[in-house]
Amino acid sequence: MTDDARRMAARLVAAARPLRPCVHLTVSPWWARLLIAAGAQATADVHVGRHRTPDMLPPVPGANLVGVDLVDRDLTGANLIGADLTGRDLTGATLTDADLISANLLRANLAGARLTRAQLMSANLTRADLLFANLARANLAGADLTGADLTGADLSGADLAPAELTGADLTGARLTRANLAGARLGRARLVRADAVGADLTGADLTGADLTEARLRAVRWSADTRWPQDLGDEIRTRSREIEPGVWVVLGGTGRRARSISPGGAHEFGSVKPYTR
């Protein structure tokens, strides 16, 4: 990103995040990525959509979605078990409480989609675009999210045990209290991700980028695989809470940073560890 682009993005983020936030931006995916790079929080500041309202959309003809425009579509509670939505554009769609078990969403565009409490067990979301999507409390157990773009996505309280997230981009994602037990996160990008209170027992984070990720109160186990540059640091900052299970320490006071070869990792109010 050029300096001019960074300055422009910073001004837009500042406009969207006053002292008492009241301004929300609806932007294109391109601008959304620019804003998250400047520090915007998707759930509070930015919505990906096309400024369309429900009365502008024709009704969905039953369960047949072939040829139907799904952009900004309200599919709340829809039964889409096993549906083939390969490459479909569902930008800004509402899929709250929808049943998408074993659905094929390969390369689907779900940027800005609302998938709160959606059932996505064993769904194929390989290389899907989930930019700023709301997946809070969604069930993604066994889902394949290989190479998916989850930049700025809200996965708080989501069940991803175990899910395939190899090579996924979770930059700025919200993973608070998410269940990632046994998840495969090899080479995933978790830059500035908020994983406070997440369960990473048995998860594989080999080669993942956790620069500036928030890891306070994360649970992990003896078979959790951390990035090579972070493993010793995590062990030093953790305490065993039951045989073979640890929690990353941190308080609610002053936040401490520790610099490692992979960047800065945020743990909470813990004395920095020096190798």
Protein backbone atom coordinates (compact mmCIF):
# COMPACT_ATOMS: atom_id res chain seq x y z
CA MET A 1 0.00 0.00 0.00
CA THR A 2 1.40 3.44 -0.91
CA ASP A 3 1.79 6.22 1.67
CA ASP A 4 -0.99 8.22 0.00
CA ALA A 5 -3.32 5.22 0.15
CA ARG A 6 -2.48 4.66 3.83
CA ARG A 7 -3.22 8.30 4.66
CA MET A 8 -6.54 8.17 2.83
CA ALA A 9 -7.51 4.92 4.55
CA ALA A 10 -6.54 6.33 7.95
CA ARG A 11 -8.78 9.37 7.38
CA LEU A 12 -11.70 7.14 6.44
CA VAL A 13 -11.17 4.94 9.51
CA ALA A 14 -11.02 8.03 11.73
CA ALA A 15 -14.29 9.25 10.23
CA ALA A 16 -15.89 5.87 10.86
CA ARG A 17 -14.56 5.59 14.41
CA PRO A 18 -15.28 8.75 16.39
CA LEU A 19 -15.05 8.83 20.17
CA ARG A 20 -18.66 7.66 20.32
CA PRO A 21 -19.00 5.55 17.15
CA CYS A 22 -22.10 6.37 15.15
CA VAL A 23 -20.92 6.28 11.55
CA HIS A 24 -20.92 3.09 9.50
CA LEU A 25 -19.45 2.69 6.05
CA THR A 26 -20.81 0.47 3.31
CA VAL A 27 -17.98 -0.10 0.89
CA SER A 28 -16.75 -2.34 -1.90
CA PRO A 29 -14.50 -5.31 -1.07
CA TRP A 30 -11.49 -3.39 -2.42
CA TRP A 31 -12.06 -0.51 0.00
CA ALA A 32 -12.85 -2.93 2.81
CA ARG A 33 -9.42 -4.55 2.50
CA LEU A 34 -7.79 -1.12 2.42
CA LEU A 35 -9.62 -0.08 5.60
CA ILE A 36 -8.74 -3.24 7.53
CA ALA A 37 -5.09 -2.66 6.62
CA ALA A 38 -5.45 0.78 8.22
CA GLY A 39 -6.92 -0.71 11.40
CA ALA A 40 -10.70 -0.61 10.94
CA GLN A 41 -12.86 -3.15 12.76
CA ALA A 42 -15.33 -4.72 10.37
CA THR A 43 -18.11 -5.43 12.85
CA ALA A 44 -18.10 -1.85 14.10
CA ASP A 45 -17.00 0.26 11.18
CA VAL A 46 -17.36 -1.36 7.79
CA HIS A 47 -20.03 -3.29 5.96
CA VAL A 48 -19.43 -4.86 2.58
CA GLY A 49 -22.48 -4.50 0.40
CA ARG A 50 -24.11 -2.79 -2.53
CA HIS A 51 -26.59 -0.42 -0.90
CA ARG A 52 -29.58 -2.55 -1.93
CA THR A 53 -32.73 -2.91 0.14
CA PRO A 54 -34.92 -6.03 0.48
CA ASP A 55 -37.85 -4.53 -1.44
CA MET A 56 -35.62 -4.30 -4.53
CA LEU A 57 -35.13 -8.07 -4.60
CA PRO A 58 -37.52 -10.59 -6.18
CA PRO A 59 -38.67 -13.48 -3.94
CA VAL A 60 -36.65 -16.68 -3.96
CA PRO A 61 -38.61 -19.33 -5.92
CA GLY A 62 -38.69 -22.05 -3.29
CA ALA A 63 -35.43 -23.94 -2.87
CA ASN A 64 -34.38 -23.43 -6.47
CA LEU A 65 -31.58 -20.86 -6.50
CA VAL A 66 -30.37 -21.47 -10.04
CA GLY A 67 -30.21 -18.16 -11.86
CA VAL A 68 -31.44 -16.21 -8.82
CA ASP A 69 -29.57 -13.03 -7.84
CA LEU A 70 -28.32 -13.76 -4.32
CA VAL A 71 -26.53 -10.47 -3.65
CA ASP A 72 -27.95 -8.95 -0.42
CA ARG A 73 -30.57 -11.73 -0.40
CA ASP A 74 -32.39 -12.50 2.85
CA LEU A 75 -32.07 -16.27 3.30
CA THR A 76 -32.62 -16.34 7.05
CA GLY A 77 -33.18 -19.91 8.24
CA ALA A 78 -33.03 -21.31 4.70
CA ASN A 79 -32.59 -25.07 4.21
CA LEU A 80 -29.57 -25.30 1.90
CA ILE A 81 -28.23 -28.69 2.98
CA GLY A 82 -25.90 -29.98 0.32
CA ALA A 83 -26.63 -27.02 -1.97
CA ASP A 84 -24.21 -26.40 -4.84
CA LEU A 85 -23.30 -22.72 -4.63
CA THR A 86 -19.93 -23.03 -6.34
CA GLY A 87 -18.65 -19.60 -7.35
CA ARG A 88 -21.96 -17.90 -6.54
CA ASP A 89 -22.09 -14.24 -5.51
CA LEU A 90 -23.73 -13.89 -2.08
CA THR A 91 -22.18 -10.54 -1.21
CA GLY A 92 -24.03 -9.04 1.76
CA ALA A 93 -26.53 -11.91 1.91
CA THR A 94 -28.29 -12.69 5.20
CA LEU A 95 -27.95 -16.38 6.07
CA THR A 96 -28.62 -16.14 9.80
CA ASP A 97 -29.57 -19.59 11.19
CA ALA A 98 -29.37 -21.05 7.67
CA ASP A 99 -28.65 -24.77 7.28
CA LEU A 100 -25.68 -25.19 4.93
CA ILE A 101 -24.47 -28.60 6.09
CA SER A 102 -22.23 -30.14 3.40
CA ALA A 103 -22.97 -27.24 1.04
CA ASN A 104 -20.47 -26.59 -1.74
CA LEU A 105 -19.36 -22.95 -1.52
CA LEU A 106 -16.10 -23.40 -3.40
CA ARG A 107 -14.84 -19.95 -4.44
CA ALA A 108 -18.18 -18.41 -3.44
CA ASN A 109 -18.27 -14.67 -2.71
CA LEU A 110 -19.68 -14.22 0.81
CA ALA A 111 -18.07 -10.85 1.50
CA GLY A 112 -20.08 -9.04 4.16
CA ALA A 113 -22.53 -11.95 4.48
CA ARG A 114 -24.38 -12.49 7.76
CA LEU A 115 -23.96 -16.12 8.80
CA THR A 116 -24.65 -15.82 12.51
CA ARG A 117 -25.45 -19.24 13.99
CA ALA A 118 -25.40 -20.80 10.51
CA GLN A 119 -24.86 -24.56 10.30
CA LEU A 120 -21.85 -25.10 8.03
CA MET A 121 -20.64 -28.49 9.20
CA SER A 122 -18.53 -30.23 6.55
CA ALA A 123 -19.21 -27.37 4.10
CA ASN A 124 -16.69 -26.75 1.33
CA LEU A 125 -15.55 -23.13 1.61
CA THR A 126 -12.23 -23.60 -0.16
CA ARG A 127 -10.95 -20.23 -1.41
CA ALA A 128 -14.27 -18.61 -0.51
CA ASP A 129 -14.33 -14.84 -0.03
CA LEU A 130 -15.59 -14.22 3.52
CA LEU A 131 -14.23 -10.70 3.82
CA PHE A 132 -15.85 -9.10 6.90
CA ALA A 133 -18.46 -11.88 7.06
CA ASN A 134 -20.31 -12.35 10.35
CA LEU A 135 -19.90 -15.98 11.42
CA ALA A 136 -20.45 -15.42 15.13
CA ARG A 137 -21.55 -18.66 16.85
CA ALA A 138 -21.65 -20.46 13.50
CA ASN A 139 -20.98 -24.20 13.44
CA LEU A 140 -18.08 -24.87 11.06
CA ALA A 141 -17.04 -28.23 12.49
CA GLY A 142 -15.25 -30.18 9.80
CA ALA A 143 -15.60 -27.36 7.23
CA ASP A 144 -12.91 -26.90 4.60
CA LEU A 145 -11.72 -23.27 4.54
CA THR A 146 -8.43 -23.89 2.77
CA GLY A 147 -7.16 -20.61 1.33
CA ALA A 148 -10.34 -18.76 2.31
CA ASP A 149 -10.23 -14.99 2.79
CA LEU A 150 -11.57 -14.28 6.29
CA THR A 151 -10.06 -10.83 6.60
CA GLY A 152 -11.94 -8.93 9.31
CA ALA A 153 -14.47 -11.75 9.74
CA ASP A 154 -16.31 -12.19 13.04
CA LEU A 155 -15.88 -15.78 14.23
CA SER A 156 -16.50 -15.08 17.91
CA GLY A 157 -17.91 -18.13 19.63
CA ALA A 158 -17.81 -20.14 16.40
CA ASP A 159 -17.18 -23.88 16.42
CA LEU A 160 -14.27 -24.77 14.13
CA ALA A 161 -13.32 -28.06 15.77
CA PRO A 162 -11.81 -29.41 13.71
CA ALA A 163 -11.79 -27.26 10.59
CA GLU A 164 -9.31 -27.00 7.73
CA LEU A 165 -7.89 -23.47 7.59
CA THR A 166 -4.56 -24.12 5.90
CA GLY A 167 -3.39 -20.98 4.13
CA ALA A 168 -6.48 -19.01 5.17
CA ASP A 169 -6.23 -15.24 5.66
CA LEU A 170 -7.61 -14.25 9.08
CA THR A 171 -6.05 -10.80 9.22
CA GLY A 172 -7.93 -8.73 11.78
CA ALA A 173 -10.44 -11.53 12.36
CA ARG A 174 -12.33 -11.82 15.64
CA LEU A 175 -11.86 -15.29 17.14
CA THR A 176 -12.78 -14.56 20.76
CA ARG A 177 -13.94 -17.72 22.54
CA ALA A 178 -13.90 -19.63 19.25
CA ASN A 179 -13.43 -23.40 19.42
CA LEU A 180 -10.43 -24.23 17.23
CA ALA A 181 -9.55 -27.50 18.92
CA GLY A 182 -7.79 -29.69 16.40
CA ALA A 183 -8.08 -27.07 13.65
CA ARG A 184 -5.43 -27.01 10.95
CA LEU A 185 -4.05 -23.48 10.60
CA GLY A 186 -0.76 -24.20 8.87
CA ARG A 187 0.56 -21.13 7.03
CA ALA A 188 -2.58 -19.20 8.01
CA ARG A 189 -2.32 -15.43 8.33
CA LEU A 190 -3.58 -14.28 11.76
CA VAL A 191 -2.05 -10.81 11.79
CA ARG A 192 -3.84 -8.64 14.40
CA ALA A 193 -6.41 -11.39 14.95
CA ASP A 194 -8.26 -11.26 18.29
CA ALA A 195 -8.14 -14.80 19.69
CA VAL A 196 -8.75 -13.94 23.36
CA GLY A 197 -10.21 -16.96 25.15
CA ALA A 198 -10.05 -19.22 22.08
CA ASP A 199 -9.50 -22.97 22.39
CA LEU A 200 -6.42 -24.08 20.42
CA THR A 201 -5.94 -27.46 22.04
CA GLY A 202 -4.51 -29.82 19.46
CA ALA A 203 -4.47 -27.13 16.76
CA ASP A 204 -1.72 -27.03 14.15
CA LEU A 205 -0.34 -23.50 13.61
CA THR A 206 2.87 -24.55 11.87
CA GLY A 207 4.14 -21.64 9.81
CA ALA A 208 1.22 -19.37 10.78
CA ASP A 209 1.77 -15.62 11.02
CA LEU A 210 0.59 -14.40 14.45
CA THR A 211 2.09 -10.91 14.28
CA GLU A 212 0.24 -8.64 16.76
CA ALA A 213 -2.35 -11.35 17.43
CA ARG A 214 -4.13 -11.16 20.80
CA LEU A 215 -3.60 -14.48 22.58
CA ARG A 216 -4.63 -13.76 26.16
CA ALA A 217 -6.48 -16.64 27.88
CA VAL A 218 -5.99 -18.97 24.90
CA ARG A 219 -6.15 -22.66 25.86
CA TRP A 220 -3.63 -25.02 24.31
CA SER A 221 -2.36 -28.54 24.84
CA ALA A 222 0.78 -30.61 24.54
CA ASP A 223 -0.11 -31.49 20.94
CA THR A 224 -0.76 -27.89 19.88
CA ARG A 225 1.83 -27.00 17.25
CA TRP A 226 2.95 -23.35 17.44
CA PRO A 227 5.00 -21.43 14.87
CA GLN A 228 8.68 -22.17 15.43
CA ASP A 229 9.51 -18.61 16.56
CA LEU A 230 6.69 -18.49 19.13
CA GLY A 231 6.58 -21.86 20.90
CA ASP A 232 9.08 -21.08 23.68
CA GLU A 233 7.49 -17.71 24.32
CA ILE A 234 4.01 -19.21 24.64
CA ARG A 235 5.22 -21.86 27.08
CA THR A 236 6.94 -19.24 29.23
CA ARG A 237 3.78 -17.15 29.43
CA SER A 238 1.39 -19.99 30.19
CA ARG A 239 0.35 -21.99 33.22
CA GLU A 240 -0.96 -25.53 33.36
CA ILE A 241 -4.63 -25.64 34.38
CA GLU A 242 -5.09 -29.39 34.07
CA PRO A 243 -2.79 -32.23 33.04
CA GLY A 244 -1.55 -31.50 29.53
CA VAL A 245 -3.57 -28.28 29.11
CA TRP A 246 -2.26 -24.73 29.50
CA VAL A 247 -3.71 -21.23 29.30
CA VAL A 248 -1.83 -18.15 28.09
CA LEU A 249 -1.58 -15.69 30.97
CA GLY A 250 -2.75 -12.09 30.82
CA GLY A 251 -4.76 -9.63 32.84
CA THR A 252 -6.98 -6.65 32.23
CA GLY A 253 -4.42 -4.05 33.17
CA ARG A 254 -1.51 -2.66 31.15
CA ARG A 255 -0.94 -4.66 28.02
CA ALA A 256 2.58 -5.95 27.40
CA ARG A 257 4.17 -6.73 24.06
CA SER A 258 7.02 -9.13 23.37
CA ILE A 259 9.08 -8.81 20.24
CA SER A 260 10.06 -12.05 18.52
CA PRO A 261 11.37 -12.80 15.04
CA GLY A 262 7.80 -13.04 13.78
CA GLY A 263 6.77 -9.63 15.13
CA ALA A 264 4.87 -8.42 18.19
CA HIS A 265 2.40 -10.70 19.94
CA GLU A 266 -0.06 -9.34 22.48
CA PHE A 267 -0.61 -11.41 25.61
CA GLY A 268 -2.00 -9.01 28.21
CA SER A 269 -0.33 -7.70 31.35
CA VAL A 270 2.54 -10.19 31.45
CA LYS A 271 6.19 -9.35 31.96
CA PRO A 272 7.93 -9.60 28.59
CA TYR A 273 10.04 -12.67 28.08
CA THR A 274 13.59 -12.26 26.72
CA ARG A 275 15.21 -15.15 24.95
